[in-house]
Protein backbone atom coordinates (compact mmCIF):
# COMPACT_ATOMS: atom_id res chain seq x y z
CA MET A 1 20.36 19.54 -15.15
CA ALA A 2 17.97 20.95 -12.56
CA VAL A 3 14.27 20.31 -12.96
CA ILE A 4 11.74 22.86 -11.71
CA GLU A 5 8.11 21.85 -11.22
CA ALA A 6 5.08 23.92 -10.27
CA ILE A 7 3.63 22.82 -6.91
CA GLU A 8 0.84 25.36 -6.37
CA THR A 9 -0.27 28.82 -7.48
CA ILE A 10 -2.61 30.94 -5.39
CA TYR A 11 -4.47 33.75 -7.15
CA LEU A 12 -6.25 36.07 -4.73
CA GLU A 13 -9.83 36.77 -5.82
CA ALA A 14 -10.37 38.86 -2.66
CA ASP A 15 -8.22 40.46 0.02
CA VAL A 16 -6.89 37.85 2.49
CA ALA A 17 -5.03 38.13 5.79
CA SER A 18 -2.58 35.30 5.00
CA VAL A 19 -1.46 32.81 2.37
CA GLU A 20 -0.38 29.29 3.25
CA PHE A 21 1.38 26.50 1.37
CA ALA A 22 0.82 23.23 3.25
CA SER A 23 1.82 20.69 0.58
CA LEU A 24 5.49 21.19 -0.30
CA GLY A 25 6.40 17.94 -2.03
CA SER A 26 9.77 16.22 -1.80
CA TYR A 27 12.22 18.39 -3.73
CA GLU A 28 15.72 19.53 -2.87
CA HIS A 29 14.84 23.23 -2.83
CA LEU A 30 11.77 25.45 -3.10
CA GLN A 31 11.25 28.69 -4.98
CA LEU A 32 8.42 31.05 -4.12
CA ARG A 33 7.48 33.71 -6.65
CA MET A 34 5.24 36.54 -5.49
CA ASN A 35 3.59 39.45 -7.26
CA GLY A 36 1.28 41.55 -5.18
CA ALA A 37 0.42 44.25 -2.72
CA THR A 38 -1.03 44.74 0.73
CA ASP A 39 -3.63 47.18 2.00
CA SER A 40 -0.95 49.14 3.89
CA THR A 41 -1.21 52.94 3.79
CA PHE A 42 1.87 53.41 5.98
CA PHE A 43 4.33 56.02 4.63
CA SER A 44 7.53 54.42 5.86
CA GLY A 45 10.03 56.22 3.62
CA THR A 46 12.20 53.13 4.09
CA TYR A 47 10.65 50.30 2.11
CA ARG A 48 7.42 49.09 0.63
CA ASP A 49 5.45 46.47 2.48
CA ALA A 50 6.91 43.01 3.03
CA ALA A 51 5.65 39.46 3.09
CA LEU A 52 6.65 37.82 6.36
CA LEU A 53 7.41 34.10 6.19
CA TYR A 54 6.82 31.61 8.98
CA PHE A 55 7.69 27.93 8.72
CA ASN A 56 5.66 24.97 10.05
CA THR A 57 2.77 26.98 11.47
CA SER A 58 -0.60 28.38 10.42
CA VAL A 59 -0.39 31.39 12.77
CA ALA A 60 2.23 34.07 13.47
CA THR A 61 4.61 32.91 16.21
CA THR A 62 7.05 34.46 18.67
CA ASN A 63 9.72 31.76 18.45
CA SER A 64 12.63 34.19 17.80
CA ASP A 65 14.45 31.73 15.56
CA TYR A 66 14.92 33.68 12.30
CA SER A 67 17.89 35.85 11.28
CA GLN A 68 18.56 37.94 8.20
CA HIS A 69 20.81 40.38 6.37
CA ALA A 70 19.28 42.86 3.94
CA ILE A 71 20.28 45.57 1.50
CA LEU A 72 17.51 47.89 0.31
CA ALA A 73 18.13 50.40 -2.47
CA ARG A 74 15.59 53.21 -2.72
CA ALA A 75 15.33 56.16 -5.05
CA THR A 76 16.87 58.42 -2.43
CA ALA A 77 18.90 56.20 -0.08
CA VAL A 78 20.44 52.81 0.56
CA ASN A 79 19.83 50.91 3.78
CA ALA A 80 21.58 47.79 5.04
CA TYR A 81 20.79 45.93 8.21
CA ALA A 82 21.12 42.63 10.02
CA THR A 83 18.74 41.16 12.57
CA ALA A 84 18.80 38.09 14.75
CA THR A 85 16.26 36.34 16.97
CA GLN A 86 13.29 37.58 14.94
CA HIS A 87 9.86 35.96 15.07
CA TYR A 88 9.69 35.79 11.23
CA TRP A 89 11.77 36.10 8.09
CA SER A 90 10.98 39.15 5.96
CA ALA A 91 10.91 39.31 2.16
CA ALA A 92 11.43 43.06 2.51
CA GLY A 93 10.16 45.36 -0.21
CA SER A 94 8.37 42.50 -1.96
CA MET A 95 4.83 43.90 -1.83
CA GLY A 96 3.34 47.07 -3.18
CA THR A 97 0.99 49.06 -0.99
CA SER A 98 -2.53 50.42 -1.28
CA LYS A 99 -1.94 51.98 -4.70
CA ASP A 100 -3.35 50.44 -7.90
CA ALA A 101 -2.26 47.17 -9.56
CA GLU A 102 0.53 48.80 -11.56
CA TYR A 103 2.27 49.39 -8.22
CA TYR A 104 2.35 45.75 -7.15
CA GLY A 105 5.74 44.43 -6.02
CA GLY A 106 7.47 41.24 -7.01
CA ALA A 107 9.88 38.77 -5.43
CA VAL A 108 11.68 35.49 -5.97
CA VAL A 109 12.44 33.61 -2.74
CA ASP A 110 14.74 30.58 -2.71
CA ILE A 111 14.34 28.21 0.25
CA LEU A 112 17.31 25.84 0.23
CA ASP A 113 17.44 22.26 1.57
CA TYR A 114 14.06 22.73 3.24
CA ARG A 115 13.61 19.00 3.99
CA ASN A 116 17.04 18.47 5.58
CA GLY A 117 16.36 17.72 9.25
CA SER A 118 19.99 18.04 10.33
CA LYS A 119 20.74 21.68 9.49
CA ASN A 120 19.16 25.11 9.55
CA THR A 121 17.11 26.20 6.52
CA THR A 122 18.49 29.14 4.55
CA MET A 123 16.57 31.60 2.40
CA MET A 124 17.36 34.29 -0.15
CA VAL A 125 15.12 36.86 -1.84
CA VAL A 126 15.45 39.39 -4.63
CA SER A 127 12.49 41.74 -4.59
CA GLY A 128 11.20 45.13 -5.63
CA GLY A 129 8.12 47.23 -5.12
CA LEU A 130 6.58 50.65 -5.43
CA GLY A 131 4.87 52.60 -2.73
CA PRO A 132 4.71 55.97 -1.02
CA ASP A 133 7.79 57.59 0.50
CA SER A 134 7.60 59.70 3.67
CA SER A 135 5.98 62.58 1.74
CA GLY A 136 3.45 60.37 -0.07
CA ALA A 137 5.23 60.49 -3.46
CA THR A 138 5.71 57.19 -5.32
CA GLU A 139 9.08 55.61 -4.64
CA PHE A 140 10.60 52.27 -5.64
CA VAL A 141 12.80 49.87 -3.70
CA VAL A 142 15.00 46.96 -4.76
CA ASN A 143 15.99 44.47 -2.07
CA ILE A 144 18.44 41.60 -1.65
CA ASN A 145 17.96 39.64 1.54
CA SER A 146 19.33 36.40 2.96
CA GLY A 147 18.56 34.63 6.17
CA SER A 148 18.19 31.46 8.13
CA TRP A 149 15.69 29.61 10.26
CA ASP A 150 17.55 28.51 13.39
CA ASN A 151 15.75 25.18 13.62
CA VAL A 152 16.81 21.79 12.27
CA ALA A 153 13.25 20.61 11.61
CA ALA A 154 12.26 19.96 8.02
CA VAL A 155 10.00 22.68 6.61
CA THR A 156 6.50 21.25 6.11
CA LYS A 157 4.43 24.42 5.74
CA ILE A 158 4.95 28.06 4.70
CA LEU A 159 2.77 30.87 6.05
CA LEU A 160 2.88 34.37 4.53
CA ILE A 161 1.38 37.45 6.19
CA PRO A 162 1.77 41.18 5.41
CA ASP A 163 4.17 43.18 7.56
CA LEU A 164 2.53 46.63 7.66
CA GLY A 165 -0.88 45.89 6.15
CA THR A 166 -3.64 43.65 7.42
CA ALA A 167 -4.29 41.81 4.13
CA PHE A 168 -2.77 40.88 0.78
CA LYS A 169 -4.77 42.63 -1.93
CA ARG A 170 -7.02 41.03 -4.52
CA GLY A 171 -5.02 40.26 -7.67
CA SER A 172 -1.88 39.19 -5.80
CA VAL A 173 -0.32 35.92 -7.02
CA PHE A 174 1.85 33.48 -5.07
CA SER A 175 3.46 30.51 -6.87
CA LEU A 176 5.50 27.75 -5.26
CA TYR A 177 7.94 25.62 -7.27
CA GLY A 178 10.02 22.59 -6.39
CA ILE A 179 13.59 22.26 -7.68
CA GLN A 180 15.22 18.87 -8.12
CA GLU A 181 18.88 18.69 -9.13
């Protein structure tokens, strides 16, 4: 039977530009649960804001070693895409935008075999959020996304930054769990 243990929970008492988990423990897998929003006012019409994940750094990088596949279902359309050689991995649609707290998004991110130094780390997210569509009306999105970090180093740190906004909003919550099988 798998055992899941809480490692750390970060409650934002003020807007912050990034969130970092630097003590990951020694589990087989990690699970990151997020509920929050960014200060983005961008009317994308495609998705809500996203939390971008970077491994083993405290600043955004340009290493081009992340890839992903995503399916986003919106109220009015469905989008699917694949990207390679990205500088980050995106938990697309996981964050609400500059609307009130009832519009915060949520996500569950699984980071598999993060300590294995002989293979690439894989990730998967299921997320959803509310935000403005291209006309400014409230629209929801549900996202399923998988990806990999093309690096065989063990993951020792996780950095999260907003994609479209400049800060995660006050009231956002980020919880990291360790899973031992």
